[in-house]
Amino acid sequence: LIAGMNEVGRRFKANEFYVPEVLIAARAMHY
């Protein structure tokens, strides 16, 4: 889980992911 969110954070900082993708990934983390 944390490894996945760390990669989401990296992609967000690199403008590869945007807010919607982060929110969807965070929802998956919550599940």
Full PDB file with SEQRES, HELIX, SHEET, SSBOND, CRYST1, ORIGX, SCALE, CONECT and MASTER records, all heavy atoms in Angstrom:
SEQRES   1 A   31  LEU ILE ALA GLY MET ASN GLU VAL GLY ARG ARG PHE LYS          
SEQRES   2 A   31  ALA ASN GLU PHE TYR VAL PRO GLU VAL LEU ILE ALA ALA          
SEQRES   3 A   31  ARG ALA MET HIS TYR                                          
HELIX    1 AA1 ILE A    2  LYS A   13  1                                  12    
HELIX    2 AA2 VAL A   19  HIS A   30  1                                  12    
CRYST1    1.000    1.000    1.000  90.00  90.00  90.00 P 1           1          
ORIGX1      1.000000  0.000000  0.000000        0.00000                         
ORIGX2      0.000000  1.000000  0.000000        0.00000                         
ORIGX3      0.000000  0.000000  1.000000        0.00000                         
SCALE1      1.000000  0.000000  0.000000        0.00000                         
SCALE2      0.000000  1.000000  0.000000        0.00000                         
SCALE3      0.000000  0.000000  1.000000        0.00000                         
ATOM      1  N   LEU A   1       0.808  -1.222   0.000  1.00  0.00           N  
ATOM      2  CA  LEU A   1       0.000   0.000   0.000  1.00  0.00           C  
ATOM      3  C   LEU A   1       0.842   1.274   0.000  1.00  0.00           C  
ATOM      4  O   LEU A   1       0.634   2.170  -0.821  1.00  0.00           O  
ATOM      5  CB  LEU A   1      -0.955  -0.012   1.201  1.00  0.00           C  
ATOM      6  CG  LEU A   1      -1.964  -1.172   1.246  1.00  0.00           C  
ATOM      7  CD1 LEU A   1      -2.842  -1.068   2.480  1.00  0.00           C  
ATOM      8  CD2 LEU A   1      -2.826  -1.211  -0.010  1.00  0.00           C  
ATOM      9  N   ILE A   2       1.789   1.369   0.933  1.00  0.00           N  
ATOM     10  CA  ILE A   2       2.597   2.593   1.008  1.00  0.00           C  
ATOM     11  C   ILE A   2       3.487   2.740  -0.226  1.00  0.00           C  
ATOM     12  O   ILE A   2       3.635   3.845  -0.769  1.00  0.00           O  
ATOM     13  CB  ILE A   2       3.426   2.628   2.306  1.00  0.00           C  
ATOM     14  CG1 ILE A   2       2.490   2.835   3.513  1.00  0.00           C  
ATOM     15  CG2 ILE A   2       4.467   3.742   2.259  1.00  0.00           C  
ATOM     16  CD1 ILE A   2       3.188   2.868   4.857  1.00  0.00           C  
ATOM     17  N   ALA A   3       4.044   1.631  -0.705  1.00  0.00           N  
ATOM     18  CA  ALA A   3       4.860   1.686  -1.927  1.00  0.00           C  
ATOM     19  C   ALA A   3       4.032   2.219  -3.095  1.00  0.00           C  
ATOM     20  O   ALA A   3       4.516   3.037  -3.898  1.00  0.00           O  
ATOM     21  CB  ALA A   3       5.418   0.306  -2.253  1.00  0.00           C  
ATOM     22  N   GLY A   4       2.785   1.778  -3.171  1.00  0.00           N  
ATOM     23  CA  GLY A   4       1.901   2.259  -4.232  1.00  0.00           C  
ATOM     24  C   GLY A   4       1.618   3.746  -4.115  1.00  0.00           C  
ATOM     25  O   GLY A   4       1.715   4.489  -5.104  1.00  0.00           O  
ATOM     26  N   MET A   5       1.319   4.199  -2.900  1.00  0.00           N  
ATOM     27  CA  MET A   5       1.028   5.625  -2.707  1.00  0.00           C  
ATOM     28  C   MET A   5       2.271   6.482  -2.892  1.00  0.00           C  
ATOM     29  O   MET A   5       2.181   7.624  -3.362  1.00  0.00           O  
ATOM     30  CB  MET A   5       0.419   5.861  -1.321  1.00  0.00           C  
ATOM     31  CG  MET A   5      -1.056   5.506  -1.217  1.00  0.00           C  
ATOM     32  SD  MET A   5      -2.145   6.306  -2.428  1.00  0.00           S  
ATOM     33  CE  MET A   5      -2.104   8.012  -1.867  1.00  0.00           C  
ATOM     34  N   ASN A   6       3.443   5.945  -2.569  1.00  0.00           N  
ATOM     35  CA  ASN A   6       4.686   6.688  -2.806  1.00  0.00           C  
ATOM     36  C   ASN A   6       4.882   6.938  -4.304  1.00  0.00           C  
ATOM     37  O   ASN A   6       5.314   8.021  -4.723  1.00  0.00           O  
ATOM     38  CB  ASN A   6       5.892   5.930  -2.248  1.00  0.00           C  
ATOM     39  CG  ASN A   6       6.011   6.060  -0.739  1.00  0.00           C  
ATOM     40  OD1 ASN A   6       5.397   6.934  -0.124  1.00  0.00           O  
ATOM     41  ND2 ASN A   6       6.791   5.193  -0.117  1.00  0.00           N  
ATOM     42  N   GLU A   7       4.553   5.935  -5.104  1.00  0.00           N  
ATOM     43  CA  GLU A   7       4.670   6.092  -6.553  1.00  0.00           C  
ATOM     44  C   GLU A   7       3.621   7.077  -7.079  1.00  0.00           C  
ATOM     45  O   GLU A   7       3.910   7.875  -7.978  1.00  0.00           O  
ATOM     46  CB  GLU A   7       4.518   4.727  -7.246  1.00  0.00           C  
ATOM     47  CG  GLU A   7       4.505   4.779  -8.755  1.00  0.00           C  
ATOM     48  CD  GLU A   7       5.776   5.349  -9.381  1.00  0.00           C  
ATOM     49  OE1 GLU A   7       6.815   5.429  -8.679  1.00  0.00           O  
ATOM     50  OE2 GLU A   7       5.732   5.711 -10.572  1.00  0.00           O  
ATOM     51  N   VAL A   8       2.426   7.033  -6.496  1.00  0.00           N  
ATOM     52  CA  VAL A   8       1.388   8.005  -6.863  1.00  0.00           C  
ATOM     53  C   VAL A   8       1.883   9.423  -6.558  1.00  0.00           C  
ATOM     54  O   VAL A   8       1.729  10.343  -7.376  1.00  0.00           O  
ATOM     55  CB  VAL A   8       0.076   7.717  -6.100  1.00  0.00           C  
ATOM     56  CG1 VAL A   8      -0.928   8.865  -6.266  1.00  0.00           C  
ATOM     57  CG2 VAL A   8      -0.547   6.414  -6.587  1.00  0.00           C  
ATOM     58  N   GLY A   9       2.506   9.582  -5.395  1.00  0.00           N  
ATOM     59  CA  GLY A   9       3.053  10.884  -5.023  1.00  0.00           C  
ATOM     60  C   GLY A   9       4.143  11.341  -5.977  1.00  0.00           C  
ATOM     61  O   GLY A   9       4.193  12.512  -6.359  1.00  0.00           O  
ATOM     62  N   ARG A  10       5.005  10.407  -6.397  1.00  0.00           N  
ATOM     63  CA  ARG A  10       6.071  10.747  -7.340  1.00  0.00           C  
ATOM     64  C   ARG A  10       5.483  11.209  -8.669  1.00  0.00           C  
ATOM     65  O   ARG A  10       5.924  12.228  -9.250  1.00  0.00           O  
ATOM     66  CB  ARG A  10       6.975   9.534  -7.565  1.00  0.00           C  
ATOM     67  CG  ARG A  10       8.216   9.853  -8.403  1.00  0.00           C  
ATOM     68  CD  ARG A  10       8.843   8.616  -9.006  1.00  0.00           C  
ATOM     69  NE  ARG A  10       7.995   7.966 -10.003  1.00  0.00           N  
ATOM     70  CZ  ARG A  10       7.828   8.422 -11.248  1.00  0.00           C  
ATOM     71  NH1 ARG A  10       8.419   9.532 -11.636  1.00  0.00           N  
ATOM     72  NH2 ARG A  10       7.048   7.768 -12.092  1.00  0.00           N  
ATOM     73  N   ARG A  11       4.469  10.485  -9.142  1.00  0.00           N  
ATOM     74  CA  ARG A  11       3.849  10.844 -10.428  1.00  0.00           C  
ATOM     75  C   ARG A  11       3.099  12.170 -10.330  1.00  0.00           C  
ATOM     76  O   ARG A  11       3.068  12.939 -11.289  1.00  0.00           O  
ATOM     77  CB  ARG A  11       2.909   9.727 -10.887  1.00  0.00           C  
ATOM     78  CG  ARG A  11       3.622   8.433 -11.218  1.00  0.00           C  
ATOM     79  CD  ARG A  11       2.684   7.388 -11.801  1.00  0.00           C  
ATOM     80  NE  ARG A  11       3.336   6.087 -11.892  1.00  0.00           N  
ATOM     81  CZ  ARG A  11       2.786   5.015 -12.451  1.00  0.00           C  
ATOM     82  NH1 ARG A  11       1.570   5.093 -12.988  1.00  0.00           N  
ATOM     83  NH2 ARG A  11       3.441   3.864 -12.493  1.00  0.00           N  
ATOM     84  N   PHE A  12       2.529  12.423  -9.167  1.00  0.00           N  
ATOM     85  CA  PHE A  12       1.817  13.688  -8.965  1.00  0.00           C  
ATOM     86  C   PHE A  12       2.800  14.858  -9.025  1.00  0.00           C  
ATOM     87  O   PHE A  12       2.553  15.879  -9.674  1.00  0.00           O  
ATOM     88  CB  PHE A  12       1.092  13.653  -7.613  1.00  0.00           C  
ATOM     89  CG  PHE A  12       0.274  14.880  -7.304  1.00  0.00           C  
ATOM     90  CD1 PHE A  12      -0.811  15.234  -8.086  1.00  0.00           C  
ATOM     91  CD2 PHE A  12       0.589  15.676  -6.219  1.00  0.00           C  
ATOM     92  CE1 PHE A  12      -1.572  16.359  -7.789  1.00  0.00           C  
ATOM     93  CE2 PHE A  12      -0.156  16.811  -5.921  1.00  0.00           C  
ATOM     94  CZ  PHE A  12      -1.243  17.145  -6.706  1.00  0.00           C  
ATOM     95  N   LYS A  13       3.946  14.700  -8.364  1.00  0.00           N  
ATOM     96  CA  LYS A  13       4.959  15.764  -8.366  1.00  0.00           C  
ATOM     97  C   LYS A  13       5.541  15.971  -9.766  1.00  0.00           C  
ATOM     98  O   LYS A  13       5.942  17.078 -10.113  1.00  0.00           O  
ATOM     99  CB  LYS A  13       6.089  15.430  -7.382  1.00  0.00           C  
ATOM    100  CG  LYS A  13       5.730  15.742  -5.938  1.00  0.00           C  
ATOM    101  CD  LYS A  13       6.959  15.939  -5.078  1.00  0.00           C  
ATOM    102  CE  LYS A  13       7.479  14.652  -4.540  1.00  0.00           C  
ATOM    103  NZ  LYS A  13       8.511  14.860  -3.489  1.00  0.00           N  
ATOM    104  N   ALA A  14       5.573  14.895 -10.554  1.00  0.00           N  
ATOM    105  CA  ALA A  14       6.137  14.969 -11.903  1.00  0.00           C  
ATOM    106  C   ALA A  14       5.085  15.371 -12.943  1.00  0.00           C  
ATOM    107  O   ALA A  14       5.359  15.356 -14.144  1.00  0.00           O  
ATOM    108  CB  ALA A  14       6.750  13.626 -12.278  1.00  0.00           C  
ATOM    109  N   ASN A  15       3.884  15.713 -12.470  1.00  0.00           N  
ATOM    110  CA  ASN A  15       2.770  16.073 -13.366  1.00  0.00           C  
ATOM    111  C   ASN A  15       2.368  14.939 -14.305  1.00  0.00           C  
ATOM    112  O   ASN A  15       1.828  15.182 -15.390  1.00  0.00           O  
ATOM    113  CB  ASN A  15       3.096  17.330 -14.185  1.00  0.00           C  
ATOM    114  CG  ASN A  15       3.185  18.573 -13.331  1.00  0.00           C  
ATOM    115  OD1 ASN A  15       2.397  18.757 -12.410  1.00  0.00           O  
ATOM    116  ND2 ASN A  15       4.162  19.429 -13.608  1.00  0.00           N  
ATOM    117  N   GLU A  16       2.630  13.696 -13.870  1.00  0.00           N  
ATOM    118  CA  GLU A  16       2.167  12.533 -14.625  1.00  0.00           C  
ATOM    119  C   GLU A  16       0.781  12.122 -14.151  1.00  0.00           C  
ATOM    120  O   GLU A  16       0.013  11.504 -14.891  1.00  0.00           O  
ATOM    121  CB  GLU A  16       3.147  11.377 -14.449  1.00  0.00           C  
ATOM    122  CG  GLU A  16       4.535  11.655 -15.022  1.00  0.00           C  
ATOM    123  CD  GLU A  16       5.553  10.601 -14.628  1.00  0.00           C  
ATOM    124  OE1 GLU A  16       5.151   9.502 -14.195  1.00  0.00           O  
ATOM    125  OE2 GLU A  16       6.767  10.885 -14.732  1.00  0.00           O  
ATOM    126  N   PHE A  17       0.478  12.437 -12.900  1.00  0.00           N  
ATOM    127  CA  PHE A  17      -0.844  12.229 -12.307  1.00  0.00           C  
ATOM    128  C   PHE A  17      -1.393  13.589 -11.890  1.00  0.00           C  
ATOM    129  O   PHE A  17      -0.629  14.502 -11.562  1.00  0.00           O  
ATOM    130  CB  PHE A  17      -0.746  11.338 -11.061  1.00  0.00           C  
ATOM    131  CG  PHE A  17      -0.924   9.861 -11.324  1.00  0.00           C  
ATOM    132  CD1 PHE A  17      -0.764   9.324 -12.585  1.00  0.00           C  
ATOM    133  CD2 PHE A  17      -1.243   9.000 -10.279  1.00  0.00           C  
ATOM    134  CE1 PHE A  17      -0.909   7.962 -12.813  1.00  0.00           C  
ATOM    135  CE2 PHE A  17      -1.394   7.638 -10.484  1.00  0.00           C  
ATOM    136  CZ  PHE A  17      -1.225   7.117 -11.765  1.00  0.00           C  
ATOM    137  N   TYR A  18      -2.719  13.687 -11.903  1.00  0.00           N  
ATOM    138  CA  TYR A  18      -3.372  14.908 -11.446  1.00  0.00           C  
ATOM    139  C   TYR A  18      -4.320  14.564 -10.305  1.00  0.00           C  
ATOM    140  O   TYR A  18      -4.423  13.405  -9.892  1.00  0.00           O  
ATOM    141  CB  TYR A  18      -4.078  15.597 -12.621  1.00  0.00           C  
ATOM    142  CG  TYR A  18      -3.105  16.017 -13.690  1.00  0.00           C  
ATOM    143  CD1 TYR A  18      -2.860  15.196 -14.803  1.00  0.00           C  
ATOM    144  CD2 TYR A  18      -2.368  17.197 -13.569  1.00  0.00           C  
ATOM    145  CE1 TYR A  18      -1.926  15.559 -15.767  1.00  0.00           C  
ATOM    146  CE2 TYR A  18      -1.431  17.565 -14.524  1.00  0.00           C  
ATOM    147  CZ  TYR A  18      -1.221  16.742 -15.622  1.00  0.00           C  
ATOM    148  OH  TYR A  18      -0.293  17.104 -16.554  1.00  0.00           O  
ATOM    149  N   VAL A  19      -5.007  15.564  -9.768  1.00  0.00           N  
ATOM    150  CA  VAL A  19      -5.833  15.354  -8.577  1.00  0.00           C  
ATOM    151  C   VAL A  19      -6.806  14.181  -8.720  1.00  0.00           C  
ATOM    152  O   VAL A  19      -6.922  13.359  -7.799  1.00  0.00           O  
ATOM    153  CB  VAL A  19      -6.576  16.654  -8.191  1.00  0.00           C  
ATOM    154  CG1 VAL A  19      -7.596  16.394  -7.090  1.00  0.00           C  
ATOM    155  CG2 VAL A  19      -5.579  17.718  -7.725  1.00  0.00           C  
ATOM    156  N   PRO A  20      -7.539  14.035  -9.835  1.00  0.00           N  
ATOM    157  CA  PRO A  20      -8.485  12.899  -9.924  1.00  0.00           C  
ATOM    158  C   PRO A  20      -7.810  11.542  -9.739  1.00  0.00           C  
ATOM    159  O   PRO A  20      -8.332  10.681  -9.028  1.00  0.00           O  
ATOM    160  CB  PRO A  20      -9.066  13.049 -11.342  1.00  0.00           C  
ATOM    161  CG  PRO A  20      -8.941  14.492 -11.654  1.00  0.00           C  
ATOM    162  CD  PRO A  20      -7.643  14.915 -11.025  1.00  0.00           C  
ATOM    163  N   GLU A  21      -6.634  11.346 -10.385  1.00  0.00           N  
ATOM    164  CA  GLU A  21      -5.932  10.065 -10.255  1.00  0.00           C  
ATOM    165  C   GLU A  21      -5.469   9.826  -8.820  1.00  0.00           C  
ATOM    166  O   GLU A  21      -5.516   8.696  -8.324  1.00  0.00           O  
ATOM    167  CB  GLU A  21      -4.709  10.018 -11.185  1.00  0.00           C  
ATOM    168  CG  GLU A  21      -5.028   9.925 -12.662  1.00  0.00           C  
ATOM    169  CD  GLU A  21      -5.089  11.272 -13.354  1.00  0.00           C  
ATOM    170  OE1 GLU A  21      -5.258  12.301 -12.665  1.00  0.00           O  
ATOM    171  OE2 GLU A  21      -4.962  11.295 -14.581  1.00  0.00           O  
ATOM    172  N   VAL A  22      -5.030  10.893  -8.161  1.00  0.00           N  
ATOM    173  CA  VAL A  22      -4.579  10.754  -6.769  1.00  0.00           C  
ATOM    174  C   VAL A  22      -5.755  10.382  -5.872  1.00  0.00           C  
ATOM    175  O   VAL A  22      -5.639   9.518  -4.994  1.00  0.00           O  
ATOM    176  CB  VAL A  22      -3.909  12.049  -6.273  1.00  0.00           C  
ATOM    177  CG1 VAL A  22      -3.544  11.934  -4.792  1.00  0.00           C  
ATOM    178  CG2 VAL A  22      -2.652  12.347  -7.077  1.00  0.00           C  
ATOM    179  N   LEU A  23      -6.888  11.029  -6.089  1.00  0.00           N  
ATOM    180  CA  LEU A  23      -8.074  10.737  -5.268  1.00  0.00           C  
ATOM    181  C   LEU A  23      -8.536   9.290  -5.463  1.00  0.00           C  
ATOM    182  O   LEU A  23      -8.934   8.614  -4.508  1.00  0.00           O  
ATOM    183  CB  LEU A  23      -9.210  11.706  -5.611  1.00  0.00           C  
ATOM    184  CG  LEU A  23      -8.988  13.170  -5.213  1.00  0.00           C  
ATOM    185  CD1 LEU A  23     -10.116  14.036  -5.733  1.00  0.00           C  
ATOM    186  CD2 LEU A  23      -8.866  13.314  -3.706  1.00  0.00           C  
ATOM    187  N   ILE A  24      -8.486   8.811  -6.706  1.00  0.00           N  
ATOM    188  CA  ILE A  24      -8.898   7.433  -6.990  1.00  0.00           C  
ATOM    189  C   ILE A  24      -7.936   6.441  -6.335  1.00  0.00           C  
ATOM    190  O   ILE A  24      -8.355   5.430  -5.760  1.00  0.00           O  
ATOM    191  CB  ILE A  24      -8.977   7.204  -8.521  1.00  0.00           C  
ATOM    192  CG1 ILE A  24     -10.152   7.992  -9.109  1.00  0.00           C  
ATOM    193  CG2 ILE A  24      -9.149   5.724  -8.843  1.00  0.00           C  
ATOM    194  CD1 ILE A  24     -10.129   8.090 -10.623  1.00  0.00           C  
ATOM    195  N   ALA A  25      -6.638   6.743  -6.403  1.00  0.00           N  
ATOM    196  CA  ALA A  25      -5.646   5.861  -5.763  1.00  0.00           C  
ATOM    197  C   ALA A  25      -5.812   5.882  -4.246  1.00  0.00           C  
ATOM    198  O   ALA A  25      -5.698   4.847  -3.582  1.00  0.00           O  
ATOM    199  CB  ALA A  25      -4.233   6.295  -6.156  1.00  0.00           C  
ATOM    200  N   ALA A  26      -6.081   7.067  -3.691  1.00  0.00           N  
ATOM    201  CA  ALA A  26      -6.271   7.181  -2.239  1.00  0.00           C  
ATOM    202  C   ALA A  26      -7.498   6.386  -1.791  1.00  0.00           C  
ATOM    203  O   ALA A  26      -7.507   5.793  -0.708  1.00  0.00           O  
ATOM    204  CB  ALA A  26      -6.426   8.643  -1.852  1.00  0.00           C  
ATOM    205  N   ARG A  27      -8.514   6.373  -2.631  1.00  0.00           N  
ATOM    206  CA  ARG A  27      -9.714   5.568  -2.325  1.00  0.00           C  
ATOM    207  C   ARG A  27      -9.343   4.081  -2.289  1.00  0.00           C  
ATOM    208  O   ARG A  27      -9.790   3.335  -1.409  1.00  0.00           O  
ATOM    209  CB  ARG A  27     -10.787   5.835  -3.381  1.00  0.00           C  
ATOM    210  CG  ARG A  27     -12.065   5.008  -3.220  1.00  0.00           C  
ATOM    211  CD  ARG A  27     -13.129   5.483  -4.212  1.00  0.00           C  
ATOM    212  NE  ARG A  27     -14.290   4.616  -4.212  1.00  0.00           N  
ATOM    213  CZ  ARG A  27     -14.459   3.598  -5.057  1.00  0.00           C  
ATOM    214  NH1 ARG A  27     -13.516   3.326  -5.957  1.00  0.00           N  
ATOM    215  NH2 ARG A  27     -15.536   2.857  -5.013  1.00  0.00           N  
ATOM    216  N   ALA A  28      -8.520   3.658  -3.228  1.00  0.00           N  
ATOM    217  CA  ALA A  28      -8.078   2.260  -3.254  1.00  0.00           C  
ATOM    218  C   ALA A  28      -7.259   1.939  -2.003  1.00  0.00           C  
ATOM    219  O   ALA A  28      -7.399   0.860  -1.417  1.00  0.00           O  
ATOM    220  CB  ALA A  28      -7.261   1.994  -4.520  1.00  0.00           C  
ATOM    221  N   MET A  29      -6.415   2.884  -1.591  1.00  0.00           N  
ATOM    222  CA  MET A  29      -5.634   2.725  -0.352  1.00  0.00           C  
ATOM    223  C   MET A  29      -6.584   2.536   0.838  1.00  0.00           C  
ATOM    224  O   MET A  29      -6.375   1.656   1.683  1.00  0.00           O  
ATOM    225  CB  MET A  29      -4.769   3.965  -0.145  1.00  0.00           C  
ATOM    226  CG  MET A  29      -4.094   4.056   1.221  1.00  0.00           C  
ATOM    227  SD  MET A  29      -2.512   3.213   1.222  1.00  0.00           S  
ATOM    228  CE  MET A  29      -1.983   3.478   2.913  1.00  0.00           C  
ATOM    229  N   HIS A  30      -7.625   3.353   0.869  1.00  0.00           N  
ATOM    230  CA  HIS A  30      -8.597   3.289   1.968  1.00  0.00           C  
ATOM    231  C   HIS A  30      -9.269   1.912   2.004  1.00  0.00           C  
ATOM    232  O   HIS A  30      -9.463   1.339   3.084  1.00  0.00           O  
ATOM    233  CB  HIS A  30      -9.629   4.396   1.791  1.00  0.00           C  
ATOM    234  CG  HIS A  30     -10.703   4.401   2.827  1.00  0.00           C  
ATOM    235  ND1 HIS A  30     -10.474   4.753   4.144  1.00  0.00           N  
ATOM    236  CD2 HIS A  30     -12.029   4.055   2.766  1.00  0.00           C  
ATOM    237  CE1 HIS A  30     -11.598   4.641   4.830  1.00  0.00           C  
ATOM    238  NE2 HIS A  30     -12.547   4.216   4.015  1.00  0.00           N  
ATOM    239  N   TYR A  31      -9.610   1.376   0.852  1.00  0.00           N  
ATOM    240  CA  TYR A  31     -10.256   0.056   0.786  1.00  0.00           C  
ATOM    241  C   TYR A  31      -9.330  -1.017   1.354  1.00  0.00           C  
ATOM    242  O   TYR A  31      -9.775  -1.918   2.072  1.00  0.00           O  
ATOM    243  CB  TYR A  31     -10.607  -0.280  -0.668  1.00  0.00           C  
ATOM    244  CG  TYR A  31     -11.992   0.144  -1.101  1.00  0.00           C  
ATOM    245  CD1 TYR A  31     -12.437   1.447  -0.883  1.00  0.00           C  
ATOM    246  CD2 TYR A  31     -12.859  -0.745  -1.739  1.00  0.00           C  
ATOM    247  CE1 TYR A  31     -13.702   1.848  -1.282  1.00  0.00           C  
ATOM    248  CE2 TYR A  31     -14.121  -0.360  -2.142  1.00  0.00           C  
ATOM    249  CZ  TYR A  31     -14.547   0.935  -1.921  1.00  0.00           C  
ATOM    250  OH  TYR A  31     -15.792   1.318  -2.310  1.00  0.00           O  
TER     251      TYR A  31                                                      
MASTER        0    0    0    2    0    0    0    6  250    1    0    3          
END                                                                             
